[in-house]
Amino acid sequence: MLILFLAISEVACANPQAADVVPALNGEWELLAMITAFHSITDPNSRFQIRVIEANGQATVAVNPITLFLVVTNDSSAGDLQQHVWRLPVTVARVSSVTRINSGIRIVASLDAMPDINVKAREVSLLVRYKAESGGLKDTITVQRQ
């Protein structure tokens, strides 16, 4: 009983400013270091959570350095969990907006100018659509530039 009392007293009197020391992950999660922005949308018709992740993997200044990833999941913790991740085939300078459309999303983004080849900065709209059949998420998407 005395040992239990001492243990409880030690926890109760612990320094409230003490901190946990947490080591770096040593490259296990390198991709997380590249994430620069995150967008999240819920599809009310299918209960899927749609996320767009922006990642900048360029070591130097580059034209359109942002790579886009689409994550679609039903956020279930049960055996019916469905989740897919796709790397979109377009890199951009910055994302202006992400909005929900029927069975997908619209991403409006800016593209950098490329004066060497006489291309001006411009805006692009990407329609990204996923498919679900019988409540199941298909493993392919379509990406259309507008």
N, C-alpha and C. Protein backbone atom coordinates (compact mmCIF):
# COMPACT_ATOMS: atom_id res chain seq x y z
N MET A 1 0.82 -1.19 0.00
CA MET A 1 0.00 0.00 0.00
C MET A 1 0.87 1.26 0.00
N LEU A 2 1.96 1.20 0.76
CA LEU A 2 2.86 2.33 0.82
C LEU A 2 3.51 2.57 -0.54
N ILE A 3 3.84 1.52 -1.28
CA ILE A 3 4.44 1.66 -2.61
C ILE A 3 3.45 2.31 -3.57
N LEU A 4 2.18 1.91 -3.51
CA LEU A 4 1.14 2.50 -4.36
C LEU A 4 1.00 3.98 -4.06
N PHE A 5 1.00 4.34 -2.76
CA PHE A 5 0.88 5.74 -2.37
C PHE A 5 2.07 6.55 -2.90
N LEU A 6 3.27 6.01 -2.79
CA LEU A 6 4.45 6.71 -3.28
C LEU A 6 4.42 6.89 -4.79
N ALA A 7 3.95 5.87 -5.48
CA ALA A 7 3.86 5.96 -6.95
C ALA A 7 2.87 7.03 -7.36
N ILE A 8 1.72 7.07 -6.71
CA ILE A 8 0.70 8.07 -7.02
C ILE A 8 1.20 9.46 -6.67
N SER A 9 1.88 9.59 -5.54
CA SER A 9 2.43 10.89 -5.13
C SER A 9 3.45 11.38 -6.15
N GLU A 10 4.29 10.48 -6.66
CA GLU A 10 5.31 10.85 -7.65
C GLU A 10 4.66 11.40 -8.91
N VAL A 11 3.58 10.75 -9.39
CA VAL A 11 2.88 11.20 -10.59
C VAL A 11 2.20 12.54 -10.33
N ALA A 12 1.56 12.67 -9.18
CA ALA A 12 0.82 13.89 -8.87
C ALA A 12 1.75 15.09 -8.69
N CYS A 13 2.96 14.84 -8.20
CA CYS A 13 3.89 15.94 -7.94
C CYS A 13 4.88 16.15 -9.07
N ALA A 14 4.70 15.45 -10.15
CA ALA A 14 5.65 15.57 -11.26
C ALA A 14 5.66 17.00 -11.78
N ASN A 15 6.80 17.39 -12.30
CA ASN A 15 6.97 18.73 -12.84
C ASN A 15 6.04 18.92 -14.03
N PRO A 16 5.11 19.86 -13.97
CA PRO A 16 4.17 20.05 -15.08
C PRO A 16 4.86 20.57 -16.35
N GLN A 17 6.11 21.06 -16.21
CA GLN A 17 6.81 21.55 -17.38
C GLN A 17 7.74 20.50 -17.98
N ALA A 18 7.71 19.30 -17.44
CA ALA A 18 8.53 18.22 -18.00
C ALA A 18 7.99 17.87 -19.38
N ALA A 19 8.88 17.47 -20.27
CA ALA A 19 8.47 17.16 -21.64
C ALA A 19 9.00 15.80 -22.04
N ASP A 20 8.29 15.15 -22.95
CA ASP A 20 8.75 13.90 -23.52
C ASP A 20 9.80 14.21 -24.57
N VAL A 21 10.82 13.41 -24.63
CA VAL A 21 11.84 13.54 -25.66
C VAL A 21 11.49 12.52 -26.74
N VAL A 22 11.24 13.01 -27.96
CA VAL A 22 10.80 12.16 -29.06
C VAL A 22 11.85 12.18 -30.16
N PRO A 23 12.40 11.02 -30.51
CA PRO A 23 13.42 10.99 -31.56
C PRO A 23 12.82 11.13 -32.95
N ALA A 24 13.64 11.56 -33.92
CA ALA A 24 13.21 11.67 -35.32
C ALA A 24 12.91 10.28 -35.86
N LEU A 25 12.11 10.21 -36.91
CA LEU A 25 11.69 8.93 -37.47
C LEU A 25 12.72 8.31 -38.41
N ASN A 26 13.85 8.97 -38.62
CA ASN A 26 14.95 8.41 -39.41
C ASN A 26 14.55 7.93 -40.79
N GLY A 27 13.83 8.78 -41.53
CA GLY A 27 13.51 8.46 -42.91
C GLY A 27 12.31 7.56 -43.12
N GLU A 28 11.69 7.10 -42.05
CA GLU A 28 10.54 6.21 -42.21
C GLU A 28 9.36 6.91 -42.85
N TRP A 29 9.27 8.21 -42.69
CA TRP A 29 8.11 8.96 -43.21
C TRP A 29 8.58 10.16 -44.02
N GLU A 30 9.54 9.95 -44.90
CA GLU A 30 10.11 11.04 -45.70
C GLU A 30 9.06 11.84 -46.44
N LEU A 31 8.04 11.17 -46.97
CA LEU A 31 7.02 11.88 -47.76
C LEU A 31 6.26 12.90 -46.93
N LEU A 32 6.10 12.67 -45.65
CA LEU A 32 5.37 13.63 -44.82
C LEU A 32 6.09 14.97 -44.74
N ALA A 33 7.39 14.96 -44.86
CA ALA A 33 8.15 16.21 -44.81
C ALA A 33 7.86 17.09 -46.01
N MET A 34 7.39 16.50 -47.09
CA MET A 34 7.13 17.26 -48.31
C MET A 34 5.74 17.89 -48.34
N ILE A 35 4.85 17.51 -47.43
CA ILE A 35 3.48 18.01 -47.46
C ILE A 35 3.46 19.50 -47.15
N THR A 36 2.84 20.26 -48.07
CA THR A 36 2.76 21.71 -47.89
C THR A 36 1.32 22.18 -47.68
N ALA A 37 0.33 21.36 -48.04
CA ALA A 37 -1.08 21.74 -47.84
C ALA A 37 -1.96 20.50 -47.90
N PHE A 38 -3.16 20.66 -47.39
CA PHE A 38 -4.10 19.55 -47.25
C PHE A 38 -5.51 20.10 -47.44
N HIS A 39 -6.33 19.42 -48.23
CA HIS A 39 -7.72 19.82 -48.45
C HIS A 39 -8.60 18.60 -48.18
N SER A 40 -9.74 18.80 -47.53
CA SER A 40 -10.60 17.67 -47.19
C SER A 40 -12.06 17.99 -47.52
N ILE A 41 -12.73 17.02 -48.15
CA ILE A 41 -14.12 17.18 -48.55
C ILE A 41 -14.84 15.87 -48.24
N THR A 42 -16.09 15.95 -47.82
CA THR A 42 -16.91 14.76 -47.62
C THR A 42 -17.93 14.67 -48.75
N ASP A 43 -18.03 13.51 -49.36
CA ASP A 43 -19.04 13.28 -50.39
C ASP A 43 -20.30 12.78 -49.68
N PRO A 44 -21.34 13.62 -49.58
CA PRO A 44 -22.53 13.23 -48.82
C PRO A 44 -23.32 12.08 -49.47
N ASN A 45 -23.11 11.85 -50.75
CA ASN A 45 -23.85 10.79 -51.44
C ASN A 45 -23.24 9.40 -51.22
N SER A 46 -21.95 9.34 -50.90
CA SER A 46 -21.31 8.04 -50.79
C SER A 46 -20.58 7.83 -49.46
N ARG A 47 -20.54 8.81 -48.60
CA ARG A 47 -19.85 8.76 -47.32
C ARG A 47 -18.34 8.68 -47.44
N PHE A 48 -17.80 8.91 -48.64
CA PHE A 48 -16.36 8.88 -48.80
C PHE A 48 -15.76 10.21 -48.35
N GLN A 49 -14.60 10.13 -47.73
CA GLN A 49 -13.80 11.31 -47.41
C GLN A 49 -12.81 11.48 -48.55
N ILE A 50 -12.73 12.67 -49.09
CA ILE A 50 -11.83 12.96 -50.21
C ILE A 50 -10.79 13.96 -49.71
N ARG A 51 -9.53 13.61 -49.91
CA ARG A 51 -8.46 14.49 -49.47
C ARG A 51 -7.50 14.74 -50.63
N VAL A 52 -7.09 15.97 -50.76
CA VAL A 52 -6.05 16.33 -51.72
C VAL A 52 -4.86 16.78 -50.89
N ILE A 53 -3.72 16.14 -51.15
CA ILE A 53 -2.50 16.48 -50.43
C ILE A 53 -1.54 17.12 -51.43
N GLU A 54 -1.02 18.28 -51.06
CA GLU A 54 -0.01 18.96 -51.87
C GLU A 54 1.35 18.65 -51.27
N ALA A 55 2.29 18.22 -52.11
CA ALA A 55 3.63 17.89 -51.63
C ALA A 55 4.67 18.53 -52.53
N ASN A 56 5.64 19.16 -51.92
CA ASN A 56 6.72 19.80 -52.66
C ASN A 56 7.99 18.99 -52.43
N GLY A 57 8.37 18.21 -53.42
CA GLY A 57 9.55 17.37 -53.30
C GLY A 57 10.77 17.92 -53.99
N GLN A 58 10.71 19.15 -54.47
CA GLN A 58 11.83 19.73 -55.21
C GLN A 58 12.90 20.22 -54.24
N ALA A 59 14.12 19.88 -54.51
CA ALA A 59 15.24 20.35 -53.68
C ALA A 59 15.65 21.76 -54.05
N THR A 60 15.32 22.18 -55.26
CA THR A 60 15.67 23.53 -55.72
C THR A 60 14.41 24.18 -56.26
N VAL A 61 14.53 25.46 -56.62
CA VAL A 61 13.40 26.16 -57.22
C VAL A 61 13.12 25.50 -58.57
N ALA A 62 11.88 25.14 -58.78
CA ALA A 62 11.52 24.44 -60.02
C ALA A 62 10.21 24.98 -60.54
N VAL A 63 9.95 24.73 -61.80
CA VAL A 63 8.68 25.10 -62.41
C VAL A 63 7.64 24.09 -61.95
N ASN A 64 6.51 24.60 -61.46
CA ASN A 64 5.40 23.75 -61.00
C ASN A 64 5.88 22.65 -60.06
N PRO A 65 6.36 23.02 -58.87
CA PRO A 65 6.98 22.04 -57.99
C PRO A 65 6.01 21.20 -57.14
N ILE A 66 4.73 21.52 -57.16
CA ILE A 66 3.78 20.86 -56.26
C ILE A 66 3.19 19.62 -56.93
N THR A 67 3.39 18.48 -56.31
CA THR A 67 2.79 17.22 -56.74
C THR A 67 1.50 17.04 -55.95
N LEU A 68 0.45 16.57 -56.63
CA LEU A 68 -0.85 16.39 -56.00
C LEU A 68 -1.15 14.90 -55.81
N PHE A 69 -1.68 14.58 -54.63
CA PHE A 69 -2.11 13.22 -54.32
C PHE A 69 -3.58 13.26 -53.94
N LEU A 70 -4.34 12.28 -54.40
CA LEU A 70 -5.75 12.14 -54.05
C LEU A 70 -5.88 10.93 -53.14
N VAL A 71 -6.54 11.12 -52.00
CA VAL A 71 -6.80 10.05 -51.06
C VAL A 71 -8.31 9.96 -50.89
N VAL A 72 -8.87 8.79 -51.15
CA VAL A 72 -10.31 8.58 -50.96
C VAL A 72 -10.47 7.40 -50.01
N THR A 73 -11.24 7.61 -48.96
CA THR A 73 -11.47 6.56 -47.96
C THR A 73 -12.87 6.68 -47.40
N ASN A 74 -13.39 5.57 -46.91
CA ASN A 74 -14.69 5.63 -46.24
C ASN A 74 -14.52 5.81 -44.73
N ASP A 75 -13.29 5.95 -44.27
CA ASP A 75 -12.95 6.20 -42.86
C ASP A 75 -13.57 5.19 -41.91
N SER A 76 -13.73 3.98 -42.35
CA SER A 76 -14.27 2.94 -41.48
C SER A 76 -13.15 2.32 -40.67
N SER A 77 -13.46 1.96 -39.45
CA SER A 77 -12.47 1.27 -38.63
C SER A 77 -12.75 -0.23 -38.63
N ALA A 78 -13.79 -0.62 -39.30
CA ALA A 78 -14.19 -2.02 -39.33
C ALA A 78 -13.56 -2.73 -40.53
N GLY A 79 -13.96 -3.95 -40.77
CA GLY A 79 -13.43 -4.75 -41.86
C GLY A 79 -13.82 -4.24 -43.23
N ASP A 80 -14.73 -3.26 -43.31
CA ASP A 80 -15.16 -2.74 -44.62
C ASP A 80 -14.40 -1.47 -45.01
N LEU A 81 -13.23 -1.25 -44.39
CA LEU A 81 -12.41 -0.09 -44.73
C LEU A 81 -12.04 -0.12 -46.21
N GLN A 82 -12.25 1.02 -46.86
CA GLN A 82 -11.84 1.20 -48.25
C GLN A 82 -11.01 2.46 -48.33
N GLN A 83 -9.84 2.34 -48.94
CA GLN A 83 -9.01 3.52 -49.11
C GLN A 83 -8.08 3.32 -50.29
N HIS A 84 -7.90 4.38 -51.04
CA HIS A 84 -7.00 4.38 -52.18
C HIS A 84 -6.25 5.70 -52.20
N VAL A 85 -5.02 5.65 -52.70
CA VAL A 85 -4.20 6.85 -52.87
C VAL A 85 -3.68 6.86 -54.30
N TRP A 86 -3.83 8.00 -54.95
CA TRP A 86 -3.34 8.17 -56.32
C TRP A 86 -2.45 9.40 -56.38
N ARG A 87 -1.40 9.32 -57.18
CA ARG A 87 -0.59 10.50 -57.49
C ARG A 87 -1.14 11.05 -58.80
N LEU A 88 -1.60 12.30 -58.80
CA LEU A 88 -2.18 12.89 -59.99
C LEU A 88 -1.08 13.19 -61.00
N PRO A 89 -1.39 13.06 -62.30
CA PRO A 89 -0.36 13.20 -63.34
C PRO A 89 -0.07 14.65 -63.73
N VAL A 90 -0.31 15.59 -62.83
CA VAL A 90 -0.10 17.01 -63.11
C VAL A 90 0.62 17.63 -61.92
N THR A 91 1.66 18.41 -62.18
CA THR A 91 2.28 19.19 -61.12
C THR A 91 1.91 20.65 -61.33
N VAL A 92 1.82 21.40 -60.24
CA VAL A 92 1.32 22.78 -60.30
C VAL A 92 2.20 23.70 -59.47
N ALA A 93 1.98 25.02 -59.64
CA ALA A 93 2.69 26.01 -58.83
C ALA A 93 1.99 26.22 -57.50
N ARG A 94 0.66 26.27 -57.53
CA ARG A 94 -0.13 26.42 -56.30
C ARG A 94 -1.57 26.05 -56.57
N VAL A 95 -2.27 25.59 -55.55
CA VAL A 95 -3.68 25.23 -55.65
C VAL A 95 -4.51 26.40 -55.15
N SER A 96 -5.49 26.83 -55.96
CA SER A 96 -6.36 27.93 -55.57
C SER A 96 -7.59 27.44 -54.81
N SER A 97 -8.18 26.33 -55.31
CA SER A 97 -9.38 25.82 -54.64
C SER A 97 -9.59 24.34 -54.96
N VAL A 98 -10.32 23.69 -54.06
CA VAL A 98 -10.73 22.30 -54.25
C VAL A 98 -12.21 22.25 -53.88
N THR A 99 -13.05 21.85 -54.83
CA THR A 99 -14.49 21.79 -54.58
C THR A 99 -15.03 20.43 -55.01
N ARG A 100 -16.14 20.06 -54.40
CA ARG A 100 -16.77 18.78 -54.70
C ARG A 100 -17.62 18.89 -55.96
N ILE A 101 -17.55 17.88 -56.80
CA ILE A 101 -18.45 17.73 -57.94
C ILE A 101 -19.03 16.33 -57.87
N ASN A 102 -19.95 16.01 -58.75
CA ASN A 102 -20.54 14.68 -58.75
C ASN A 102 -19.46 13.61 -58.96
N SER A 103 -19.33 12.71 -58.01
CA SER A 103 -18.35 11.62 -58.04
C SER A 103 -16.92 12.09 -58.21
N GLY A 104 -16.58 13.20 -57.56
CA GLY A 104 -15.20 13.65 -57.65
C GLY A 104 -14.99 15.05 -57.13
N ILE A 105 -13.92 15.67 -57.63
CA ILE A 105 -13.55 17.01 -57.20
C ILE A 105 -13.06 17.83 -58.38
N ARG A 106 -13.09 19.14 -58.21
CA ARG A 106 -12.50 20.08 -59.15
C ARG A 106 -11.37 20.79 -58.40
N ILE A 107 -10.18 20.72 -58.98
CA ILE A 107 -9.02 21.41 -58.42
C ILE A 107 -8.68 22.55 -59.37
N VAL A 108 -8.67 23.77 -58.85
CA VAL A 108 -8.24 24.92 -59.65
C VAL A 108 -6.85 25.29 -59.15
N ALA A 109 -5.90 25.34 -60.09
CA ALA A 109 -4.51 25.57 -59.72
C ALA A 109 -3.83 26.51 -60.71
N SER A 110 -2.71 27.06 -60.29
CA SER A 110 -1.90 27.92 -61.15
C SER A 110 -0.70 27.13 -61.66
N LEU A 111 -0.34 27.41 -62.90
CA LEU A 111 0.87 26.83 -63.49
C LEU A 111 1.86 27.95 -63.70
N ASP A 112 3.12 27.68 -63.44
CA ASP A 112 4.17 28.68 -63.62
C ASP A 112 4.40 29.01 -65.09
N ALA A 113 4.90 30.22 -65.31
CA ALA A 113 5.33 30.62 -66.65
C ALA A 113 6.62 29.88 -66.98
N MET A 114 6.82 29.64 -68.27
CA MET A 114 8.08 29.05 -68.75
C MET A 114 8.57 29.93 -69.90
N PRO A 115 9.23 31.02 -69.56
CA PRO A 115 9.63 31.99 -70.58
C PRO A 115 10.58 31.41 -71.63
N ASP A 116 11.35 30.40 -71.29
CA ASP A 116 12.28 29.79 -72.25
C ASP A 116 11.55 29.22 -73.47
N ILE A 117 10.33 28.76 -73.24
CA ILE A 117 9.55 28.20 -74.36
C ILE A 117 8.30 29.03 -74.64
N ASN A 118 8.31 30.28 -74.15
CA ASN A 118 7.26 31.25 -74.43
C ASN A 118 5.87 30.81 -73.92
N VAL A 119 5.83 30.25 -72.72
CA VAL A 119 4.56 29.86 -72.10
C VAL A 119 4.32 30.78 -70.90
N LYS A 120 3.14 31.43 -70.90
CA LYS A 120 2.81 32.35 -69.82
C LYS A 120 2.19 31.60 -68.64
N ALA A 121 2.25 32.22 -67.46
CA ALA A 121 1.58 31.67 -66.29
C ALA A 121 0.09 31.57 -66.61
N ARG A 122 -0.54 30.53 -66.12
CA ARG A 122 -1.95 30.33 -66.43
C ARG A 122 -2.62 29.52 -65.33
N GLU A 123 -3.94 29.46 -65.41
CA GLU A 123 -4.73 28.69 -64.46
C GLU A 123 -5.24 27.44 -65.16
N VAL A 124 -5.31 26.36 -64.42
CA VAL A 124 -5.82 25.10 -64.96
C VAL A 124 -6.87 24.56 -63.99
N SER A 125 -7.89 23.94 -64.56
CA SER A 125 -8.92 23.29 -63.76
C SER A 125 -8.84 21.79 -64.04
N LEU A 126 -8.72 21.02 -62.98
CA LEU A 126 -8.64 19.56 -63.11
C LEU A 126 -9.91 18.94 -62.56
N LEU A 127 -10.56 18.12 -63.37
CA LEU A 127 -11.71 17.35 -62.90
C LEU A 127 -11.21 15.95 -62.58
N VAL A 128 -11.31 15.58 -61.32
CA VAL A 128 -10.83 14.28 -60.88
C VAL A 128 -12.04 13.49 -60.41
N ARG A 129 -12.27 12.35 -61.07
CA ARG A 129 -13.45 11.53 -60.74
C ARG A 129 -13.04 10.13 -60.32
N TYR A 130 -13.72 9.66 -59.30
CA TYR A 130 -13.54 8.28 -58.85
C TYR A 130 -14.86 7.56 -59.06
N LYS A 131 -14.82 6.23 -58.98
CA LYS A 131 -16.04 5.45 -59.17
C LYS A 131 -16.25 4.50 -58.01
N ALA A 132 -17.51 4.36 -57.64
CA ALA A 132 -17.90 3.39 -56.62
C ALA A 132 -19.05 2.57 -57.18
N GLU A 133 -18.93 1.28 -57.07
CA GLU A 133 -20.00 0.37 -57.51
C GLU A 133 -20.36 -0.55 -56.37
N SER A 134 -21.64 -0.68 -56.12
CA SER A 134 -22.15 -1.53 -55.04
C SER A 134 -21.47 -1.19 -53.71
N GLY A 135 -21.25 0.08 -53.48
CA GLY A 135 -20.64 0.53 -52.24
C GLY A 135 -19.14 0.36 -52.19
N GLY A 136 -18.55 -0.23 -53.24
CA GLY A 136 -17.11 -0.44 -53.26
C GLY A 136 -16.40 0.58 -54.13
N LEU A 137 -15.26 1.04 -53.69
CA LEU A 137 -14.48 2.04 -54.39
C LEU A 137 -13.59 1.37 -55.43
N LYS A 138 -13.68 1.82 -56.68
CA LYS A 138 -12.82 1.29 -57.75
C LYS A 138 -11.39 1.81 -57.54
N ASP A 139 -10.42 1.10 -58.11
CA ASP A 139 -9.03 1.50 -57.89
C ASP A 139 -8.45 2.38 -58.99
N THR A 140 -9.30 2.89 -59.89
CA THR A 140 -8.83 3.83 -60.91
C THR A 140 -9.64 5.12 -60.83
N ILE A 141 -9.01 6.21 -61.28
CA ILE A 141 -9.68 7.51 -61.35
C ILE A 141 -9.45 8.07 -62.74
N THR A 142 -10.20 9.10 -63.09
CA THR A 142 -9.95 9.83 -64.32
C THR A 142 -9.58 11.28 -63.96
N VAL A 143 -8.63 11.83 -64.69
CA VAL A 143 -8.19 13.20 -64.48
C VAL A 143 -8.30 13.92 -65.81
N GLN A 144 -9.12 14.97 -65.84
CA GLN A 144 -9.35 15.71 -67.08
C GLN A 144 -8.97 17.17 -66.88
N ARG A 145 -8.13 17.69 -67.75
CA ARG A 145 -7.75 19.12 -67.70
C ARG A 145 -8.79 19.94 -68.45
N GLN A 146 -9.09 21.12 -67.89
CA GLN A 146 -9.98 22.05 -68.58
C GLN A 146 -9.30 23.38 -68.71
